[in-house]
Protein backbone atom coordinates (compact mmCIF):
# COMPACT_ATOMS: atom_id res chain seq x y z
CA MET A 1 0.01 -0.03 -0.02
CA LYS A 2 2.88 2.44 0.89
CA LEU A 3 4.51 1.68 -2.45
CA LYS A 4 1.32 2.64 -4.37
CA ILE A 5 1.06 5.81 -2.56
CA SER A 6 4.74 6.76 -3.13
CA TYR A 7 4.37 5.85 -6.99
CA LEU A 8 1.31 8.18 -7.19
CA CYS A 9 3.17 11.08 -5.53
CA LEU A 10 6.09 10.80 -7.96
CA ILE A 11 3.59 10.95 -10.95
CA PHE A 12 1.94 14.09 -9.39
CA LEU A 13 5.25 15.74 -8.81
CA GLY A 14 6.39 15.03 -12.46
CA PHE A 15 3.16 16.58 -13.77
CA VAL A 16 3.65 19.71 -11.72
CA ALA A 17 7.28 20.06 -12.93
CA GLN A 18 6.26 19.80 -16.54
CA ASN A 19 3.61 22.52 -16.30
CA ALA A 20 6.09 24.78 -14.56
CA LEU A 21 8.59 24.34 -17.42
CA ALA A 22 5.90 25.02 -20.04
CA LYS A 23 4.84 28.17 -18.35
CA LYS A 24 8.48 29.38 -18.08
CA ARG A 25 9.02 28.84 -21.74
CA THR A 26 5.96 30.74 -22.79
CA LYS A 27 7.04 33.75 -20.73
CA GLY A 28 10.48 34.39 -22.31
CA ASP A 29 12.55 31.31 -23.10
CA ARG A 30 11.05 30.82 -26.70
CA GLN A 31 13.72 30.23 -29.20
CA ASP A 32 13.97 32.52 -32.28
CA CYS A 33 13.29 31.02 -35.69
CA SER A 34 16.79 32.10 -36.88
CA ASP A 35 18.22 30.13 -33.90
CA LEU A 36 16.40 27.05 -35.21
CA GLY A 37 18.11 27.58 -38.58
CA GLY A 38 15.03 28.76 -40.41
CA VAL A 39 13.13 31.81 -41.78
CA CYS A 40 9.53 33.03 -41.04
CA LEU A 41 7.17 32.59 -44.06
CA LEU A 42 3.52 33.52 -44.45
CA GLU A 43 1.14 30.51 -44.56
CA GLY A 44 -0.35 29.94 -48.08
CA ASN A 45 2.67 31.53 -49.81
CA ASN A 46 3.88 29.70 -52.92
CA GLN A 47 7.43 29.63 -51.46
CA LEU A 48 6.43 26.34 -49.74
CA SER A 49 8.04 24.52 -52.75
CA ASP A 50 11.38 26.03 -51.79
CA CYS A 51 11.08 25.03 -48.16
CA ASN A 52 13.27 22.02 -47.24
CA LYS A 53 11.76 21.43 -43.87
CA LYS A 54 8.75 23.04 -41.99
CA LEU A 55 9.78 23.24 -38.40
CA ALA A 56 7.27 22.22 -35.76
CA ASP A 57 8.40 24.95 -33.41
CA LYS A 58 7.28 28.42 -34.82
CA GLY A 59 9.83 30.22 -32.75
CA ASP A 60 9.34 33.98 -32.70
CA CYS A 61 7.34 34.07 -36.04
CA PRO A 62 4.21 36.33 -36.06
CA PRO A 63 0.68 34.83 -36.31
CA ARG A 64 -0.17 33.01 -39.63
CA HIS A 65 3.49 32.51 -40.22
CA PHE A 66 5.59 29.35 -39.94
CA CYS A 67 9.38 28.68 -39.44
CA CYS A 68 10.83 27.19 -42.52
CA LYS A 69 14.30 25.68 -42.85
CA ALA A 70 15.86 26.69 -46.14
CA LYS A 71 17.41 24.19 -48.60
CA LYS A 72 21.17 23.57 -48.28
CA ASN A 73 21.34 25.63 -44.97
CA ARG A 74 24.81 24.97 -43.58
CA ASN A 75 24.36 26.92 -40.34
CA ASN A 76 25.94 25.42 -37.15
CA ASP A 77 25.83 26.25 -33.44
CA ASP A 78 29.02 28.22 -33.54
CA ASN A 79 27.85 31.07 -35.75
CA ARG A 80 24.40 31.57 -34.23
CA GLY A 81 25.71 34.51 -32.30
CA LYS A 82 26.80 36.16 -35.44
CA LYS A 83 23.54 35.65 -37.09
CA VAL A 84 21.64 37.26 -34.14
CA LYS A 85 23.83 40.37 -34.54
CA LEU A 86 23.17 40.46 -38.26
CA HIS A 87 19.46 40.28 -37.62
CA ASP A 88 19.65 43.23 -35.18
CA LYS A 89 21.31 45.28 -37.82
CA GLU A 90 18.52 44.29 -40.28
CA ASP A 91 15.84 45.25 -37.89
CA LYS A 92 17.23 48.77 -37.72
CA ASP A 93 17.41 48.91 -41.49
CA ASP A 94 13.79 47.86 -41.68
CA ASN A 95 12.81 50.93 -39.72
CA LYS A 96 14.80 53.09 -41.98
CA GLU A 97 13.13 51.58 -45.06
CA LYS A 98 9.66 52.22 -43.71
CA GLU A 99 10.54 56.03 -43.47
CA ASN A 100 12.03 55.80 -47.03
CA GLY A 101 8.81 54.12 -48.26
CA LYS A 102 6.62 56.92 -46.86
CA LYS A 103 8.92 59.53 -48.61
CA THR A 104 8.72 57.74 -51.98
CA ASN A 105 4.93 57.71 -51.75
CA LYS A 106 4.99 61.52 -51.64
CA GLY A 107 7.10 61.65 -54.74
CA ILE A 108 10.58 61.74 -53.15
CA ALA A 109 13.03 59.02 -54.35
CA ALA A 110 14.49 57.16 -51.53
CA LYS A 111 18.31 56.68 -51.60
CA PRO A 112 20.22 54.03 -49.56
CA ALA A 113 22.55 55.45 -46.98
CA LYS A 114 26.31 54.94 -47.15
CA LYS A 115 26.44 53.40 -43.58
CA LYS A 116 23.69 50.99 -44.80
CA ASP A 117 25.75 49.87 -47.75
CA LYS A 118 28.75 49.21 -45.42
CA ALA A 119 26.59 47.28 -43.07
CA ASN A 120 25.21 45.29 -46.08
CA ALA A 121 28.62 44.60 -47.34
CA LYS A 122 29.61 43.17 -43.89
CA GLY A 123 26.38 41.33 -43.66
CA SER A 124 26.76 39.88 -47.14
CA LYS A 125 30.17 38.51 -46.16
CA GLU A 126 28.80 36.99 -43.04
CA ASN A 127 25.80 35.54 -44.97
CA ASN A 128 28.08 33.97 -47.45
CA GLU A 129 29.95 32.22 -44.67
CA GLU A 130 26.66 31.20 -43.10
CA GLY A 131 25.04 29.97 -46.30
CA VAL A 132 22.50 32.81 -46.81
CA GLU A 133 23.21 32.51 -50.54
CA ASP A 134 20.81 29.52 -50.57
CA LYS A 135 17.99 31.97 -49.70
CA PHE A 136 17.85 33.75 -52.97
CA PHE A 137 14.56 32.02 -53.82
CA PHE A 138 12.80 34.20 -51.19
CA CYS A 139 13.24 37.10 -53.59
CA LYS A 140 10.97 35.53 -56.06
CA ASN A 141 7.85 36.83 -54.34
CA THR A 142 7.09 40.52 -54.06
CA VAL A 143 6.30 41.55 -50.43
CA THR A 144 3.52 43.96 -49.53
CA SER A 145 5.75 46.86 -48.69
CA CYS A 146 7.38 46.65 -52.19
CA ARG A 147 4.20 46.00 -54.03
CA PHE A 148 2.61 49.11 -52.37
CA LEU A 149 5.32 51.24 -54.01
CA GLY A 150 4.51 49.67 -57.44
CA GLY A 151 7.73 47.50 -57.39
CA PHE A 152 8.74 43.94 -57.55
CA CYS A 153 11.49 41.99 -55.68
CA ARG A 154 14.76 41.16 -57.50
CA THR A 155 18.24 40.07 -56.48
CA GLU A 156 21.33 42.38 -56.84
CA ASN A 157 22.32 40.84 -60.17
CA GLU A 158 18.81 41.10 -61.64
CA VAL A 159 18.58 44.72 -60.65
CA LYS A 160 21.80 45.50 -62.48
CA SER A 161 20.37 43.87 -65.65
CA THR A 162 17.31 46.08 -65.53
CA PRO A 163 18.46 49.62 -66.36
CA SER A 164 14.93 51.08 -65.92
CA CYS A 165 14.91 50.07 -62.24
CA SER A 166 15.12 52.76 -59.47
CA ASN A 167 15.93 50.29 -56.69
CA ASN A 168 15.25 50.44 -52.98
CA ARG A 169 16.82 48.06 -50.52
CA ILE A 170 14.15 46.00 -48.71
CA PHE A 171 14.28 43.19 -46.23
CA PRO A 172 11.21 40.65 -46.87
CA ASP A 173 12.43 38.55 -43.89
CA LYS A 174 15.27 38.57 -41.34
CA GLY A 175 17.05 35.84 -43.08
CA CYS A 176 17.03 37.45 -46.60
CA SER A 177 19.25 40.43 -46.90
CA THR A 178 20.07 40.18 -50.59
CA CYS A 179 16.68 41.42 -52.06
CA TYR A 180 16.06 44.72 -53.71
CA CYS A 181 12.65 46.40 -54.38
CA CYS A 182 12.88 47.37 -58.15
CA ILE A 183 10.41 50.29 -58.85
CA PRO A 184 10.28 50.86 -62.65
CA GLY A 185 9.53 54.14 -64.21
CA CYS A 186 6.22 53.05 -65.59
CA GLU A 187 2.75 53.37 -63.99
CA ALA A 188 1.07 50.22 -62.81
CA SER A 189 -1.83 48.74 -64.96
CA SER A 190 -4.70 46.60 -63.75
CA GLY A 191 -4.69 44.84 -67.08
CA CYS A 192 -1.06 43.84 -66.65
CA SER A 193 -1.36 42.77 -62.92
CA ASN A 194 -4.41 40.67 -63.73
CA VAL A 195 -2.27 38.40 -65.98
CA GLY A 196 0.51 38.24 -63.26
CA GLY A 197 2.88 40.79 -64.87
CA TYR A 198 4.29 44.20 -64.08
CA CYS A 199 4.85 47.37 -66.15
CA SER A 200 8.53 48.23 -66.97
CA GLN A 201 10.68 49.64 -69.75
CA SER A 202 12.55 46.36 -70.20
CA CYS A 203 11.79 42.76 -69.32
CA LEU A 204 14.10 39.92 -68.32
CA LYS A 205 15.15 37.30 -70.83
CA GLU A 206 12.71 34.66 -69.52
CA GLU A 207 9.77 37.04 -69.31
CA ARG A 208 7.28 37.59 -72.11
CA PRO A 209 6.48 41.27 -73.16
CA TYR A 210 3.03 42.57 -73.85
CA THR A 211 3.07 46.20 -75.21
CA SER A 212 -0.64 46.86 -75.26
CA LEU A 213 -1.30 46.17 -71.50
CA CYS A 214 0.72 49.09 -70.04
CA PRO A 215 0.33 52.91 -70.65
CA SER A 216 3.30 54.76 -71.89
CA SER A 217 4.75 57.45 -69.58
CA GLY A 218 6.37 60.37 -71.45
CA SER A 219 8.95 59.51 -74.06
CA SER A 220 9.58 56.07 -72.68
CA SER A 221 7.58 53.19 -73.84
CA CYS A 222 6.32 50.67 -71.17
CA THR A 223 5.71 46.97 -71.67
CA CYS A 224 3.90 44.29 -69.50
CA CYS A 225 6.45 41.75 -68.41
CA VAL A 226 4.56 38.48 -67.85
CA PRO A 227 6.20 35.40 -66.34
CA PRO A 228 7.02 32.52 -68.54
CA CYS A 229 4.68 29.56 -69.10
CA LYS A 230 4.81 26.71 -66.55
CA LEU A 231 5.02 23.22 -67.79
CA THR A 232 2.75 20.81 -65.97
CA SER A 233 3.19 17.12 -65.36
CA ALA A 234 0.12 16.49 -67.38
CA CYS A 235 1.75 18.07 -70.48
CA PHE A 236 5.13 16.58 -69.83
CA THR A 237 3.88 12.98 -69.56
CA GLN A 238 2.34 13.35 -73.10
CA GLY A 239 5.62 14.50 -74.58
CA GLY A 240 4.39 18.16 -74.93
CA HIS A 241 5.87 21.52 -74.47
CA CYS A 242 4.39 25.00 -73.62
CA VAL A 243 3.82 27.53 -76.38
CA SER A 244 2.28 31.01 -76.22
CA ASP A 245 1.08 33.95 -78.42
CA GLY A 246 0.43 32.01 -81.56
CA GLN A 247 3.76 30.03 -81.68
CA ALA A 248 3.86 27.24 -84.17
CA CYS A 249 2.74 23.83 -83.07
CA SER A 250 2.83 20.75 -85.32
CA GLY A 251 0.39 18.79 -83.06
CA THR A 252 -2.67 19.28 -80.81
CA LEU A 253 -3.06 22.21 -78.45
CA THR A 254 -4.47 21.65 -74.96
CA ASP A 255 -4.99 23.77 -71.77
CA GLN A 256 -2.43 21.81 -69.75
CA CYS A 257 0.15 24.77 -69.30
CA GLU A 258 -0.10 27.40 -66.64
CA GLY A 259 0.24 31.15 -67.57
CA HIS A 260 -1.28 33.81 -69.67
CA ASN A 261 -2.14 32.57 -73.20
CA CYS A 262 -0.14 29.32 -72.51
CA LYS A 263 -0.99 26.14 -74.34
CA CYS A 264 0.52 22.64 -74.25
CA CYS A 265 1.64 21.43 -77.77
CA ILE A 266 1.46 17.79 -77.95
CA PRO A 267 3.10 16.48 -81.23
CA GLU A 268 1.22 14.06 -83.47
CA LEU A 269 2.41 10.43 -82.95
CA VAL A 270 3.58 8.61 -86.06
CA CYS A 271 2.83 4.94 -85.27
CA SER A 272 4.33 2.39 -87.65
CA ASP A 273 2.95 -1.19 -87.51
CA ASN A 274 5.20 -3.65 -85.84
CA SER A 275 5.35 -7.42 -86.28
CA LYS A 276 4.76 -7.85 -82.58
CA CYS A 277 1.45 -6.33 -82.86
CA GLY A 278 0.27 -9.31 -85.08
CA LYS A 279 -2.00 -9.44 -88.15
CA ASN A 280 -5.13 -8.68 -86.16
CA GLY A 281 -3.71 -5.51 -84.71
CA GLN A 282 -2.67 -2.06 -85.56
CA CYS A 283 -0.44 0.53 -83.94
CA LYS A 284 -2.43 3.67 -83.01
CA SER A 285 -2.26 6.48 -80.56
CA GLN A 286 -5.53 5.38 -78.79
CA CYS A 287 -7.61 2.19 -79.14
CA GLY A 288 -11.20 2.61 -80.21
CA ARG A 289 -14.44 0.79 -79.32
CA GLY A 290 -14.34 -2.86 -80.08
CA GLU A 291 -10.56 -2.99 -79.67
CA LYS A 292 -8.32 -4.07 -76.90
CA GLU A 293 -4.71 -3.09 -76.17
CA ARG A 294 -1.86 -5.69 -76.54
CA PRO A 295 1.01 -4.78 -74.20
CA ASN A 296 4.46 -4.27 -75.81
CA GLY A 297 3.01 -4.65 -79.28
CA CYS A 298 4.40 -1.33 -80.74
CA SER A 299 7.95 -0.05 -80.53
CA SER A 300 7.12 3.64 -81.18
CA PRO A 301 6.72 5.63 -77.95
CA GLY A 302 3.27 6.63 -77.11
CA CYS A 303 1.72 4.14 -79.52
CA LYS A 304 -0.60 1.29 -78.61
CA CYS A 305 -1.15 -2.10 -80.24
CA CYS A 306 -4.95 -2.18 -80.84
CA GLU A 307 -6.37 -5.60 -81.55
CA SER A 308 -10.06 -6.26 -82.66
CA VAL A 309 -12.17 -7.95 -80.06
CA CYS A 310 -13.71 -10.90 -81.97
CA LYS A 311 -17.22 -12.08 -80.87
CA MET A 312 -18.14 -15.60 -81.94
CA LYS A 313 -21.57 -16.10 -83.46
CA SER A 314 -23.87 -19.19 -83.03
CA LYS A 315 -23.05 -20.63 -86.54
CA CYS A 316 -19.30 -20.69 -85.61
CA LYS A 317 -20.15 -22.33 -82.34
CA LYS A 318 -22.13 -25.10 -83.94
CA GLU A 319 -19.26 -25.95 -86.31
CA LYS A 320 -16.75 -25.80 -83.40
CA GLY A 321 -14.78 -23.12 -85.14
CA LYS A 322 -12.33 -20.40 -83.82
CA CYS A 323 -12.24 -16.59 -84.52
CA LYS A 324 -8.97 -15.73 -86.14
CA ALA A 325 -7.49 -12.87 -88.34
CA LYS A 326 -6.70 -15.50 -91.02
CA CYS A 327 -7.59 -19.09 -91.63
CA LYS A 328 -4.91 -21.70 -92.17
CA PRO A 329 -4.71 -23.75 -95.52
CA LYS A 330 -6.51 -26.75 -94.06
CA GLU A 331 -9.20 -24.70 -92.59
CA THR A 332 -12.51 -23.52 -94.00
CA GLU A 333 -13.97 -20.02 -93.35
CA ILE A 334 -17.51 -19.85 -92.28
CA PRO A 335 -19.04 -16.54 -93.69
CA ARG A 336 -19.57 -13.93 -91.04
CA GLY A 337 -19.29 -16.43 -88.24
CA CYS A 338 -17.34 -13.97 -86.06
CA LYS A 339 -18.14 -10.37 -85.33
CA GLY A 340 -15.33 -7.84 -85.32
CA LYS A 341 -12.86 -6.13 -87.62
CA LYS A 342 -10.46 -8.65 -89.34
CA CYS A 343 -12.19 -11.53 -87.58
CA LYS A 344 -12.91 -14.80 -89.41
CA CYS A 345 -14.51 -18.07 -88.22
CA CYS A 346 -12.14 -20.82 -89.15
CA VAL A 347 -13.22 -24.54 -89.04
CA ARG A 348 -10.91 -27.54 -89.58
CA LYS A 349 -12.66 -29.52 -92.31
CA ALA A 350 -11.55 -31.33 -95.52
CA PRO A 351 -11.95 -30.84 -98.39
CA PRO A 352 -12.22 -27.04 -97.96
CA CYS A 353 -14.08 -24.80 -100.34
CA LYS A 354 -11.59 -22.58 -102.29
CA ASN A 355 -12.73 -19.06 -102.99
CA SER A 356 -13.06 -17.92 -106.58
CA LYS A 357 -12.53 -14.66 -108.12
CA LYS A 358 -16.18 -14.35 -109.34
CA CYS A 359 -17.39 -14.96 -105.72
CA GLU A 360 -14.83 -12.39 -104.33
CA ARG A 361 -16.17 -9.83 -106.86
CA ALA A 362 -19.62 -10.45 -105.60
CA LYS A 363 -18.28 -9.87 -102.04
CA GLY A 364 -19.04 -13.48 -101.09
CA VAL A 365 -17.39 -16.56 -99.68
CA CYS A 366 -17.33 -20.00 -101.28
CA THR A 367 -18.91 -22.49 -98.68
CA LYS A 368 -21.45 -25.30 -98.40
CA LYS A 369 -25.19 -24.57 -98.51
CA LYS A 370 -25.86 -25.56 -94.87
CA LEU A 371 -23.54 -22.88 -93.69
CA CYS A 372 -25.16 -20.13 -95.78
CA LYS A 373 -28.54 -19.79 -94.02
CA GLY A 374 -30.53 -16.48 -94.49
CA GLU A 375 -28.16 -15.31 -97.28
CA THR A 376 -27.94 -15.61 -101.04
CA PHE A 377 -26.38 -18.87 -102.12
CA ASN A 378 -25.07 -18.79 -105.77
CA LYS A 379 -23.67 -22.20 -106.89
CA LYS A 380 -22.51 -20.93 -110.23
CA LEU A 381 -19.83 -18.87 -108.77
CA CYS A 382 -17.87 -21.58 -107.01
CA LYS A 383 -16.54 -25.02 -108.00
CA GLY A 384 -17.69 -28.55 -106.85
CA LYS A 385 -20.42 -28.74 -104.24
CA CYS A 386 -19.60 -25.37 -102.87
CA GLY A 387 -21.56 -22.13 -103.60
CA CYS A 388 -20.95 -18.44 -103.08
CA CYS A 389 -22.60 -17.01 -99.98
CA ILE A 390 -23.46 -13.40 -100.64
CA GLY A 391 -25.24 -10.82 -98.69
CA GLY A 392 -23.66 -10.61 -95.23
CA ASP A 393 -26.16 -9.14 -92.78
CA CYS A 394 -28.43 -8.06 -95.65
CA GLN A 395 -30.77 -10.78 -96.78
CA SER A 396 -31.48 -10.97 -100.49
CA THR A 397 -35.22 -10.92 -101.71
CA LYS A 398 -36.83 -12.35 -104.89
CA LYS A 399 -37.22 -8.88 -106.13
CA CYS A 400 -33.52 -8.17 -106.09
CA GLN A 401 -32.77 -11.71 -107.61
CA LYS A 402 -35.24 -10.84 -110.58
CA PHE A 403 -32.98 -7.93 -111.46
CA LYS A 404 -29.91 -10.18 -110.97
CA GLY A 405 -28.74 -7.93 -108.18
CA ARG A 406 -27.16 -8.32 -104.83
CA CYS A 407 -27.96 -6.99 -101.34
CA GLY A 408 -25.34 -5.20 -99.26
CA SER A 409 -24.65 -2.11 -97.23
CA GLU A 410 -22.16 -0.67 -99.67
CA LYS A 411 -22.88 1.90 -102.26
CA CYS A 412 -23.67 0.70 -105.79
CA LYS A 413 -20.74 0.81 -108.18
CA ALA A 414 -20.63 2.90 -111.41
CA GLY A 415 -22.78 1.37 -114.11
CA GLU A 416 -25.12 -0.30 -111.61
CA ARG A 417 -28.55 0.78 -110.62
CA MET A 418 -30.32 0.61 -107.23
CA ILE A 419 -33.54 -1.21 -107.05
CA LYS A 420 -35.89 0.40 -104.69
CA ASN A 421 -36.90 -1.93 -101.67
CA GLY A 422 -35.05 -4.66 -103.29
CA CYS A 423 -33.61 -5.82 -99.99
CA GLY A 424 -36.75 -5.35 -97.75
CA ARG A 425 -37.38 -2.26 -95.72
CA SER A 426 -33.85 -2.02 -94.26
CA LYS A 427 -32.24 1.43 -94.77
CA LYS A 428 -28.72 0.13 -94.46
CA CYS A 429 -29.19 -2.65 -97.24
CA LYS A 430 -29.24 -1.82 -100.95
CA CYS A 431 -30.08 -3.95 -103.88
CA CYS A 432 -27.47 -3.16 -106.66
CA ALA A 433 -28.25 -4.64 -110.07
CA PRO A 434 -26.62 -4.38 -113.44
CA GLY A 435 -27.51 -1.12 -115.30
CA CYS A 436 -29.60 -0.98 -118.44
CA GLU A 437 -27.62 -1.62 -121.68
CA ILE A 438 -28.45 0.62 -124.55
CA LEU A 439 -28.88 -1.11 -127.93
CA PRO A 440 -28.15 0.38 -131.46
CA GLU A 441 -31.89 1.02 -132.17
CA CYS A 442 -32.13 3.31 -129.22
CA SER A 443 -28.83 5.19 -129.72
CA ASN A 444 -29.54 5.65 -133.40
CA ALA A 445 -32.83 7.31 -132.51
CA GLY A 446 -31.12 9.62 -130.04
CA GLY A 447 -32.67 8.04 -127.03
CA PHE A 448 -31.39 6.83 -123.69
CA CYS A 449 -32.34 3.86 -121.43
CA VAL A 450 -34.69 4.25 -118.26
CA ASP A 451 -36.33 1.63 -116.00
CA LYS A 452 -39.10 3.89 -114.74
CA ARG A 453 -41.74 5.88 -116.80
CA LYS A 454 -41.31 8.89 -114.61
CA ASP A 455 -37.76 9.29 -115.76
CA CYS A 456 -38.96 10.05 -119.21
CA PRO A 457 -41.74 12.75 -118.56
CA VAL A 458 -41.61 14.53 -122.03
CA GLY A 459 -40.75 12.16 -124.89
CA TYR A 460 -41.36 8.76 -126.45
CA ILE A 461 -41.07 5.25 -124.91
CA LEU A 462 -39.58 3.10 -127.55
CA THR A 463 -39.75 -0.76 -126.77
CA GLY A 464 -36.88 -3.03 -127.63
CA GLY A 465 -34.13 -0.29 -127.63
CA CYS A 466 -32.65 -1.36 -124.26
CA SER A 467 -31.68 -4.71 -122.72
CA GLY A 468 -32.25 -5.39 -118.94
CA LYS A 469 -35.15 -6.15 -116.58
CA LYS A 470 -37.86 -3.31 -117.17
CA CYS A 471 -35.41 -1.22 -119.28
CA LYS A 472 -36.95 1.15 -121.92
CA CYS A 473 -35.62 3.54 -124.50
CA CYS A 474 -36.66 7.20 -123.92
CA GLN A 475 -36.51 9.47 -127.07
CA LYS A 476 -37.24 13.08 -126.63
CA GLY A 477 -38.71 15.25 -129.35
CA THR A 478 -41.65 15.18 -131.80
CA THR A 479 -42.66 12.79 -134.68
CA THR A 480 -45.04 12.87 -137.72
CA THR A 481 -48.20 10.88 -137.70
CA THR A 482 -49.52 9.14 -140.75
CA THR A 483 -53.01 7.93 -141.73
CA ALA A 484 -54.02 5.07 -143.91
CA THR A 485 -57.06 6.93 -145.50
CA THR A 486 -55.12 9.74 -147.16
CA THR A 487 -52.16 10.14 -149.27
CA THR A 488 -51.17 13.49 -147.91
CA ALA A 489 -49.19 13.75 -144.57
CA THR A 490 -50.10 16.17 -142.01
CA SER A 491 -47.63 17.27 -139.42
CA SER A 492 -48.75 17.65 -135.88
CA THR A 493 -47.13 17.73 -132.45
CA SER A 494 -47.92 14.59 -130.33
CA THR A 495 -48.39 14.98 -126.64
CA GLY A 496 -49.77 11.67 -125.49
CA MET A 497 -49.00 9.21 -128.25
CA TYR A 498 -45.58 7.33 -128.39
CA LEU A 499 -44.82 5.68 -131.77
CA SER A 500 -42.08 3.46 -132.94
CA SER A 501 -42.89 3.20 -136.55
CA GLN A 502 -40.56 5.92 -137.58
CA VAL A 503 -37.53 4.19 -136.07
CA PRO A 504 -36.03 1.54 -138.40
CA GLY A 505 -35.62 -1.89 -136.89
CA ILE A 506 -38.16 -1.51 -134.14
CA LYS A 507 -41.56 -3.40 -134.24
CA GLU A 508 -44.62 -1.30 -134.56
CA LYS A 509 -45.81 -1.33 -130.90
CA CYS A 510 -47.20 1.76 -129.27
CA GLN A 511 -47.57 2.53 -125.65
CA HIS A 512 -49.51 5.36 -123.96
CA LEU A 513 -48.70 6.76 -120.58
């Protein structure tokens, strides 16, 4: 029992000591951010990418700030005292700069003091020893005090390369003593600031100048200096690069680059077919519907091997066939047994039906009659017991067969005529039959062949002048009529009678519309 009481007393004393230490630290023993080897930064600032380590202890940073340890910071415990002295000097310079800033707002240009330059020279030497040259990245962002004066932050070397800059020394943070506030001799413009730029008489090499966004002041011309386009990972992974302001792009433009008027230029892929892709595949930039990608099928970068997805039909299943891109010599192809591009149903049977040129012209396949159900089977176009299976998904009708035509989804060829409703009511299927052949009797009379009466509205229908199912010769013009009761001939214009007696070689048959 005594042991338990002593154990509880020890825990209580430890808790009291911990609270006492915490209170003592909050009163005055809190370490500076500089002592921790970091710099105070505002939360939500885009300098986070340059922050090597975000310290858990905020140190002496103001509200909404955090202590950031800069990249490649080589500070050690020996030179911390020097750093504190340097910061004390910079704090005094900050107060002077605030006074200078007020003067510049009233139209008086601020000039840096000589003592200040000497202090800066000493500070720069100490900073070089302490690794402060690694903090140049803090100058990329314009602080509020500089922006209020219409300026932007630059390093000492950048200020020297900008002759139009009337610079003021500023201190964005205690750890950054190498930044200058560059105030150009041009008035600020809302149109320029909206695109992330600033008005100046000259821009840096990497910046993009826009002359129409800034008003000119006096004899000097002002341009809007806009930051360069930023390449994103989405553009980079597709092999693209950023272009702007109408630059040439031999490819496709997308909105995958950050910046004003910035586009991602993705070059067009030139995919060449590879033997690894196979006979049933094709190298493309993207596979379409009804296709699947075959891995490592194309050697060209960014190209995919796209193979057609074959779907076996019931007729192929009954014959125990397989869907392939090409049938072997000892295999027989079942017409349209597989659905898909370059897909054929191959059945191992002997003897196979060899395809003939006549059947290929008719867009058919030589096969046995039992395998050609619901389609046109023409035995004359193939040898042996095989016939030509024509039609595909379009079924032939008796009407189309009367005109010696074929049903298909393709357009009729030159010299062919389309028979209306020859393949049923299907809009996709067309009955293409051989065209009417004109005979000498019709051509000598100056006529032409038609298969419908409405195609010859004003003229004469002459029978026997054309060969083909329901083909007729249409002759335009007038004829002279003769009567058997008189010897004199009277000339009259015929409007409803169509004669063939005046045309040599044609039987005397008349038709009236």
